[in-house]
């Protein structure tokens, strides 16, 4: 077994889904592994990870709308609002999604479905530099 690891920094411009499938594929190619698993970890508490459809942009729009409804912003709604009215909703949205993904790969290619992409889901209004750890284990 061999392994390879990299920290990927993704720039966000506010709430939304930011696809980084091409960067994950490039990392895997550079790792020169044929069979194994890619683990992806988000190092933040108000951003998360999703595998989602990457063909129709309305899917991303609907996800943003849905999460804004189930964890709305607003002063007085939450005790924790030290960093602003979008802080606690960001934590709730991250808690309802994932901070870690595990994706198998074979023949050096991610085993994603035809319409699947890997996304960072930014839950805060401000632009951020988000760190995602990519770790490939295999042979």
N, C-alpha and C. Protein backbone atom coordinates (compact mmCIF):
# COMPACT_ATOMS: atom_id res chain seq x y z
N UNK A 1 0.83 -1.19 0.00
CA UNK A 1 0.00 0.00 0.00
C UNK A 1 0.88 1.25 0.00
N UNK A 2 0.43 2.22 -0.78
CA UNK A 2 1.07 3.53 -0.79
C UNK A 2 0.01 4.57 -0.51
N UNK A 3 0.47 5.76 -0.16
CA UNK A 3 -0.47 6.84 0.10
C UNK A 3 0.11 8.18 -0.32
N UNK A 4 -0.79 9.11 -0.54
CA UNK A 4 -0.40 10.46 -0.93
C UNK A 4 -1.41 11.42 -0.32
N UNK A 5 -0.94 12.61 0.05
CA UNK A 5 -1.83 13.58 0.69
C UNK A 5 -1.50 14.99 0.22
N UNK A 6 -2.54 15.82 0.16
CA UNK A 6 -2.38 17.21 -0.26
C UNK A 6 -3.48 18.04 0.39
N UNK A 7 -3.14 19.28 0.75
CA UNK A 7 -4.15 20.22 1.21
C UNK A 7 -4.48 21.13 0.03
N UNK A 8 -5.73 21.14 -0.34
CA UNK A 8 -6.23 21.95 -1.45
C UNK A 8 -6.94 23.17 -0.87
N UNK A 9 -6.58 24.37 -1.32
CA UNK A 9 -7.25 25.59 -0.87
C UNK A 9 -8.23 26.03 -1.95
N UNK A 10 -9.48 26.18 -1.54
CA UNK A 10 -10.54 26.59 -2.46
C UNK A 10 -11.03 27.97 -2.07
N UNK A 11 -11.11 28.88 -3.03
CA UNK A 11 -11.59 30.23 -2.78
C UNK A 11 -13.09 30.27 -3.06
N UNK A 12 -13.85 30.77 -2.07
CA UNK A 12 -15.29 30.91 -2.25
C UNK A 12 -15.64 32.40 -2.32
N UNK A 13 -16.80 32.67 -2.88
CA UNK A 13 -17.27 34.05 -3.01
C UNK A 13 -18.58 34.26 -2.27
N UNK A 14 -18.85 33.42 -1.28
CA UNK A 14 -20.11 33.47 -0.56
C UNK A 14 -20.83 32.15 -0.68
N UNK A 15 -22.08 32.10 -0.23
CA UNK A 15 -22.81 30.83 -0.19
C UNK A 15 -22.92 30.17 -1.55
N UNK A 16 -22.77 28.87 -1.55
CA UNK A 16 -22.93 28.14 -2.80
C UNK A 16 -22.10 26.88 -2.83
N UNK A 17 -22.26 26.16 -3.92
CA UNK A 17 -21.51 24.93 -4.13
C UNK A 17 -20.42 25.18 -5.15
N UNK A 18 -19.21 24.79 -4.79
CA UNK A 18 -18.02 25.01 -5.61
C UNK A 18 -17.45 23.65 -6.00
N UNK A 19 -17.57 23.31 -7.26
CA UNK A 19 -17.11 22.00 -7.71
C UNK A 19 -15.59 21.97 -7.80
N UNK A 20 -15.00 20.90 -7.28
CA UNK A 20 -13.55 20.72 -7.40
C UNK A 20 -13.19 19.30 -7.84
N UNK A 21 -14.08 18.68 -8.61
CA UNK A 21 -13.82 17.35 -9.17
C UNK A 21 -12.53 17.33 -10.00
N UNK A 22 -12.31 18.31 -10.89
CA UNK A 22 -11.08 18.28 -11.69
C UNK A 22 -9.81 18.31 -10.84
N UNK A 23 -9.82 19.08 -9.75
CA UNK A 23 -8.66 19.14 -8.87
C UNK A 23 -8.43 17.81 -8.15
N UNK A 24 -9.52 17.15 -7.75
CA UNK A 24 -9.40 15.84 -7.09
C UNK A 24 -8.85 14.80 -8.07
N UNK A 25 -9.32 14.85 -9.31
CA UNK A 25 -8.82 13.92 -10.33
C UNK A 25 -7.34 14.17 -10.62
N UNK A 26 -6.95 15.43 -10.71
CA UNK A 26 -5.54 15.76 -10.97
C UNK A 26 -4.65 15.27 -9.83
N UNK A 27 -5.11 15.44 -8.59
CA UNK A 27 -4.35 14.94 -7.45
C UNK A 27 -4.16 13.43 -7.55
N UNK A 28 -5.24 12.72 -7.88
CA UNK A 28 -5.17 11.26 -7.97
C UNK A 28 -4.21 10.82 -9.08
N UNK A 29 -4.27 11.51 -10.22
CA UNK A 29 -3.33 11.18 -11.31
C UNK A 29 -1.88 11.36 -10.84
N UNK A 30 -1.62 12.44 -10.11
CA UNK A 30 -0.27 12.71 -9.63
C UNK A 30 0.19 11.74 -8.56
N UNK A 31 -0.76 11.09 -7.89
CA UNK A 31 -0.40 10.11 -6.85
C UNK A 31 0.06 8.78 -7.45
N UNK A 32 -0.24 8.55 -8.73
CA UNK A 32 0.17 7.32 -9.44
C UNK A 32 -0.30 6.05 -8.74
N UNK A 33 -1.54 6.08 -8.26
CA UNK A 33 -2.15 4.91 -7.65
C UNK A 33 -3.24 4.40 -8.59
N UNK A 34 -3.41 3.10 -8.67
CA UNK A 34 -4.38 2.51 -9.59
C UNK A 34 -5.68 2.08 -8.91
N UNK A 35 -5.58 1.58 -7.67
CA UNK A 35 -6.74 1.01 -6.99
C UNK A 35 -6.70 1.41 -5.53
N UNK A 36 -7.81 1.94 -5.00
CA UNK A 36 -7.83 2.32 -3.60
C UNK A 36 -8.98 3.24 -3.28
N UNK A 37 -8.73 4.14 -2.34
CA UNK A 37 -9.77 5.05 -1.87
C UNK A 37 -9.22 6.44 -1.70
N UNK A 38 -9.98 7.42 -2.13
CA UNK A 38 -9.67 8.83 -1.90
C UNK A 38 -10.57 9.32 -0.79
N UNK A 39 -9.97 9.81 0.28
CA UNK A 39 -10.72 10.42 1.37
C UNK A 39 -10.54 11.93 1.25
N UNK A 40 -11.64 12.65 1.39
CA UNK A 40 -11.61 14.11 1.32
C UNK A 40 -12.19 14.64 2.62
N UNK A 41 -11.48 15.56 3.25
CA UNK A 41 -11.89 16.10 4.55
C UNK A 41 -11.90 17.62 4.50
N UNK A 42 -13.00 18.22 4.93
CA UNK A 42 -13.14 19.68 5.01
C UNK A 42 -12.72 20.13 6.40
N UNK A 43 -11.80 21.10 6.46
CA UNK A 43 -11.23 21.54 7.74
C UNK A 43 -11.98 22.72 8.35
N UNK A 44 -13.29 22.78 8.15
CA UNK A 44 -14.07 23.93 8.63
C UNK A 44 -15.39 23.48 9.22
N UNK A 45 -15.99 24.34 10.06
CA UNK A 45 -17.26 24.02 10.71
C UNK A 45 -18.45 24.76 10.11
N UNK A 46 -18.21 25.62 9.14
CA UNK A 46 -19.32 26.30 8.47
C UNK A 46 -19.21 26.14 6.95
N UNK A 47 -18.59 25.07 6.53
CA UNK A 47 -18.55 24.64 5.14
C UNK A 47 -18.57 23.11 5.18
N UNK A 48 -18.97 22.50 4.08
CA UNK A 48 -19.08 21.03 4.07
C UNK A 48 -18.81 20.49 2.68
N UNK A 49 -18.97 19.19 2.54
CA UNK A 49 -18.69 18.50 1.28
C UNK A 49 -19.93 17.76 0.79
N UNK A 50 -20.09 17.72 -0.51
CA UNK A 50 -21.20 16.98 -1.12
C UNK A 50 -20.73 16.31 -2.41
N UNK A 51 -21.31 15.17 -2.70
CA UNK A 51 -21.26 14.62 -4.04
C UNK A 51 -22.65 14.86 -4.59
N UNK A 52 -22.71 15.56 -5.71
CA UNK A 52 -24.00 15.98 -6.23
C UNK A 52 -23.97 16.05 -7.75
N UNK A 53 -25.14 16.18 -8.34
CA UNK A 53 -25.24 16.29 -9.79
C UNK A 53 -24.49 17.52 -10.28
N UNK A 54 -23.72 17.34 -11.36
CA UNK A 54 -22.96 18.47 -11.91
C UNK A 54 -23.37 18.81 -13.35
N UNK A 55 -24.52 18.30 -13.79
CA UNK A 55 -24.96 18.55 -15.16
C UNK A 55 -25.95 19.71 -15.25
N UNK A 56 -26.87 19.80 -14.31
CA UNK A 56 -27.92 20.81 -14.35
C UNK A 56 -27.71 21.80 -13.21
N UNK A 57 -27.39 23.06 -13.51
CA UNK A 57 -27.13 24.07 -12.47
C UNK A 57 -28.32 24.34 -11.56
N UNK A 58 -29.53 23.99 -11.99
CA UNK A 58 -30.69 24.23 -11.13
C UNK A 58 -30.65 23.36 -9.87
N UNK A 59 -29.95 22.23 -9.92
CA UNK A 59 -29.80 21.38 -8.73
C UNK A 59 -29.08 22.17 -7.63
N UNK A 60 -28.00 22.83 -8.00
CA UNK A 60 -27.23 23.64 -7.04
C UNK A 60 -28.09 24.77 -6.50
N UNK A 61 -28.84 25.44 -7.36
CA UNK A 61 -29.72 26.52 -6.92
C UNK A 61 -30.77 26.02 -5.94
N UNK A 62 -31.38 24.88 -6.24
CA UNK A 62 -32.41 24.32 -5.36
C UNK A 62 -31.82 23.90 -4.01
N UNK A 63 -30.62 23.36 -4.01
CA UNK A 63 -29.98 22.99 -2.74
C UNK A 63 -29.73 24.23 -1.88
N UNK A 64 -29.22 25.29 -2.48
CA UNK A 64 -28.99 26.53 -1.74
C UNK A 64 -30.30 27.05 -1.14
N UNK A 65 -31.36 27.03 -1.92
CA UNK A 65 -32.67 27.50 -1.45
C UNK A 65 -33.17 26.64 -0.31
N UNK A 66 -33.09 25.32 -0.47
CA UNK A 66 -33.56 24.40 0.57
C UNK A 66 -32.83 24.64 1.89
N UNK A 67 -31.49 24.72 1.85
CA UNK A 67 -30.74 24.89 3.08
C UNK A 67 -30.97 26.25 3.72
N UNK A 68 -31.26 27.27 2.93
CA UNK A 68 -31.56 28.59 3.51
C UNK A 68 -32.91 28.56 4.22
N UNK A 69 -33.80 27.67 3.80
CA UNK A 69 -35.10 27.53 4.46
C UNK A 69 -35.02 26.75 5.77
N UNK A 70 -34.22 25.68 5.77
CA UNK A 70 -34.19 24.85 6.99
C UNK A 70 -33.27 25.40 8.06
N UNK A 71 -32.35 26.28 7.68
CA UNK A 71 -31.48 26.95 8.66
C UNK A 71 -31.39 28.43 8.27
N UNK A 72 -32.46 29.18 8.52
CA UNK A 72 -32.49 30.58 8.09
C UNK A 72 -31.57 31.46 8.93
N UNK A 73 -31.19 32.58 8.33
CA UNK A 73 -30.41 33.58 9.04
C UNK A 73 -31.35 34.51 9.78
N UNK A 74 -30.82 35.16 10.81
CA UNK A 74 -31.59 36.18 11.49
C UNK A 74 -31.13 36.39 12.92
N UNK A 75 -30.98 37.64 13.28
CA UNK A 75 -30.63 37.97 14.66
C UNK A 75 -31.75 37.51 15.58
N UNK A 76 -31.36 36.94 16.72
CA UNK A 76 -32.34 36.50 17.70
C UNK A 76 -32.83 35.09 17.50
N UNK A 77 -32.49 34.46 16.38
CA UNK A 77 -32.93 33.09 16.15
C UNK A 77 -32.05 32.08 16.90
N UNK A 78 -30.79 32.45 17.14
CA UNK A 78 -29.83 31.52 17.74
C UNK A 78 -29.07 32.23 18.85
N UNK A 79 -28.62 31.47 19.82
CA UNK A 79 -27.76 32.03 20.88
C UNK A 79 -26.40 32.37 20.31
N UNK A 80 -25.84 31.46 19.51
CA UNK A 80 -24.50 31.67 18.93
C UNK A 80 -24.61 32.54 17.69
N UNK A 81 -24.26 33.82 17.83
CA UNK A 81 -24.26 34.73 16.68
C UNK A 81 -23.07 35.69 16.75
N UNK A 82 -22.01 35.25 17.42
CA UNK A 82 -20.83 36.07 17.64
C UNK A 82 -20.23 36.59 16.34
N UNK A 83 -20.21 35.76 15.31
CA UNK A 83 -19.60 36.14 14.04
C UNK A 83 -20.62 36.64 13.02
N UNK A 84 -21.83 36.91 13.47
CA UNK A 84 -22.85 37.44 12.57
C UNK A 84 -24.03 36.51 12.41
N UNK A 85 -25.08 37.01 11.75
CA UNK A 85 -26.31 36.23 11.63
C UNK A 85 -26.21 35.00 10.72
N UNK A 86 -25.12 34.89 9.94
CA UNK A 86 -24.96 33.70 9.09
C UNK A 86 -24.09 32.63 9.74
N UNK A 87 -23.59 32.90 10.96
CA UNK A 87 -22.65 31.97 11.59
C UNK A 87 -23.33 30.67 12.02
N UNK A 88 -24.32 30.74 12.90
CA UNK A 88 -24.97 29.51 13.37
C UNK A 88 -25.70 28.78 12.25
N UNK A 89 -26.40 29.47 11.35
CA UNK A 89 -26.98 28.73 10.22
C UNK A 89 -25.92 27.96 9.42
N UNK A 90 -24.72 28.53 9.30
CA UNK A 90 -23.63 27.82 8.63
C UNK A 90 -23.24 26.55 9.35
N UNK A 91 -23.20 26.62 10.68
CA UNK A 91 -22.87 25.42 11.46
C UNK A 91 -23.96 24.36 11.32
N UNK A 92 -25.22 24.78 11.33
CA UNK A 92 -26.33 23.83 11.20
C UNK A 92 -26.28 23.16 9.82
N UNK A 93 -26.08 23.95 8.78
CA UNK A 93 -26.02 23.39 7.43
C UNK A 93 -24.88 22.40 7.28
N UNK A 94 -23.73 22.73 7.89
CA UNK A 94 -22.59 21.80 7.86
C UNK A 94 -22.90 20.52 8.63
N UNK A 95 -23.62 20.66 9.75
CA UNK A 95 -23.97 19.48 10.54
C UNK A 95 -24.93 18.55 9.79
N UNK A 96 -25.73 19.11 8.90
CA UNK A 96 -26.70 18.31 8.14
C UNK A 96 -26.12 17.69 6.88
N UNK A 97 -24.90 18.07 6.55
CA UNK A 97 -24.25 17.52 5.36
C UNK A 97 -23.04 16.69 5.82
N UNK A 98 -21.90 16.83 5.17
CA UNK A 98 -20.76 15.98 5.49
C UNK A 98 -19.47 16.80 5.53
N UNK A 99 -18.55 16.38 6.36
CA UNK A 99 -17.22 16.98 6.34
C UNK A 99 -16.19 16.02 5.78
N UNK A 100 -16.59 14.77 5.56
CA UNK A 100 -15.68 13.76 5.00
C UNK A 100 -16.39 12.96 3.92
N UNK A 101 -15.68 12.72 2.82
CA UNK A 101 -16.17 11.85 1.75
C UNK A 101 -15.15 10.75 1.51
N UNK A 102 -15.62 9.58 1.16
CA UNK A 102 -14.74 8.47 0.79
C UNK A 102 -15.17 8.00 -0.59
N UNK A 103 -14.26 8.08 -1.56
CA UNK A 103 -14.58 7.72 -2.94
C UNK A 103 -13.59 6.66 -3.41
N UNK A 104 -14.08 5.49 -3.81
CA UNK A 104 -13.17 4.48 -4.34
C UNK A 104 -12.65 4.91 -5.71
N UNK A 105 -11.49 4.35 -6.06
CA UNK A 105 -10.97 4.55 -7.41
C UNK A 105 -10.40 3.25 -7.93
N UNK A 106 -10.49 3.09 -9.24
CA UNK A 106 -9.97 1.90 -9.92
C UNK A 106 -9.37 2.35 -11.24
N UNK A 107 -8.31 1.69 -11.66
CA UNK A 107 -7.59 2.06 -12.87
C UNK A 107 -7.19 3.54 -12.85
N UNK A 108 -6.93 4.05 -11.66
CA UNK A 108 -6.50 5.44 -11.50
C UNK A 108 -7.59 6.48 -11.68
N UNK A 109 -8.87 6.04 -11.77
CA UNK A 109 -9.99 6.96 -11.99
C UNK A 109 -10.99 6.87 -10.83
N UNK A 110 -11.50 8.03 -10.42
CA UNK A 110 -12.54 8.05 -9.39
C UNK A 110 -13.77 7.29 -9.88
N UNK A 111 -14.39 6.54 -8.99
CA UNK A 111 -15.55 5.72 -9.34
C UNK A 111 -16.84 6.52 -9.20
N UNK A 112 -16.82 7.77 -9.63
CA UNK A 112 -18.02 8.61 -9.59
C UNK A 112 -18.97 8.21 -10.71
N UNK A 113 -20.26 8.44 -10.49
CA UNK A 113 -21.25 8.20 -11.53
C UNK A 113 -21.15 9.28 -12.60
N UNK A 114 -21.84 9.06 -13.70
CA UNK A 114 -21.78 9.94 -14.86
C UNK A 114 -22.06 11.40 -14.51
N UNK A 115 -23.04 11.67 -13.68
CA UNK A 115 -23.45 13.05 -13.40
C UNK A 115 -22.99 13.53 -12.03
N UNK A 116 -22.08 12.81 -11.38
CA UNK A 116 -21.65 13.19 -10.04
C UNK A 116 -20.41 14.07 -10.07
N UNK A 117 -20.44 15.10 -9.22
CA UNK A 117 -19.29 15.96 -9.02
C UNK A 117 -19.04 16.13 -7.53
N UNK A 118 -17.84 16.53 -7.19
CA UNK A 118 -17.45 16.74 -5.79
C UNK A 118 -17.49 18.24 -5.54
N UNK A 119 -18.19 18.63 -4.48
CA UNK A 119 -18.41 20.04 -4.18
C UNK A 119 -18.02 20.40 -2.75
N UNK A 120 -17.48 21.61 -2.61
CA UNK A 120 -17.41 22.27 -1.32
C UNK A 120 -18.68 23.10 -1.22
N UNK A 121 -19.38 22.99 -0.12
CA UNK A 121 -20.61 23.74 0.11
C UNK A 121 -20.29 24.84 1.10
N UNK A 122 -20.18 26.06 0.61
CA UNK A 122 -19.90 27.22 1.47
C UNK A 122 -21.22 27.70 2.06
N UNK A 123 -21.23 27.84 3.40
CA UNK A 123 -22.45 28.23 4.10
C UNK A 123 -22.43 29.67 4.61
N UNK A 124 -21.32 30.36 4.47
CA UNK A 124 -21.21 31.73 4.98
C UNK A 124 -21.30 32.73 3.83
N UNK A 125 -21.72 33.97 4.15
CA UNK A 125 -21.90 35.01 3.13
C UNK A 125 -20.59 35.59 2.61
N UNK A 126 -19.59 35.68 3.44
CA UNK A 126 -18.32 36.30 3.03
C UNK A 126 -17.48 35.34 2.21
N UNK A 127 -16.58 35.90 1.44
CA UNK A 127 -15.60 35.09 0.71
C UNK A 127 -14.65 34.44 1.71
N UNK A 128 -14.23 33.23 1.43
CA UNK A 128 -13.31 32.51 2.31
C UNK A 128 -12.28 31.75 1.48
N UNK A 129 -11.20 31.37 2.14
CA UNK A 129 -10.25 30.40 1.62
C UNK A 129 -10.46 29.15 2.46
N UNK A 130 -11.02 28.13 1.85
CA UNK A 130 -11.35 26.89 2.56
C UNK A 130 -10.32 25.83 2.24
N UNK A 131 -9.91 25.08 3.26
CA UNK A 131 -8.95 24.01 3.07
C UNK A 131 -9.62 22.66 3.08
N UNK A 132 -9.27 21.86 2.10
CA UNK A 132 -9.78 20.49 1.97
C UNK A 132 -8.57 19.57 1.87
N UNK A 133 -8.55 18.55 2.70
CA UNK A 133 -7.45 17.59 2.69
C UNK A 133 -7.83 16.42 1.78
N UNK A 134 -6.96 16.11 0.83
CA UNK A 134 -7.13 14.96 -0.06
C UNK A 134 -6.12 13.90 0.37
N UNK A 135 -6.60 12.69 0.60
CA UNK A 135 -5.72 11.60 1.02
C UNK A 135 -6.06 10.35 0.22
N UNK A 136 -5.13 9.90 -0.58
CA UNK A 136 -5.32 8.69 -1.39
C UNK A 136 -4.52 7.55 -0.78
N UNK A 137 -5.18 6.42 -0.64
CA UNK A 137 -4.57 5.21 -0.12
C UNK A 137 -4.84 4.09 -1.09
N UNK A 138 -3.79 3.43 -1.55
CA UNK A 138 -4.01 2.34 -2.51
C UNK A 138 -2.71 1.78 -3.04
N UNK A 139 -2.82 1.17 -4.19
CA UNK A 139 -1.65 0.54 -4.81
C UNK A 139 -1.63 0.82 -6.30
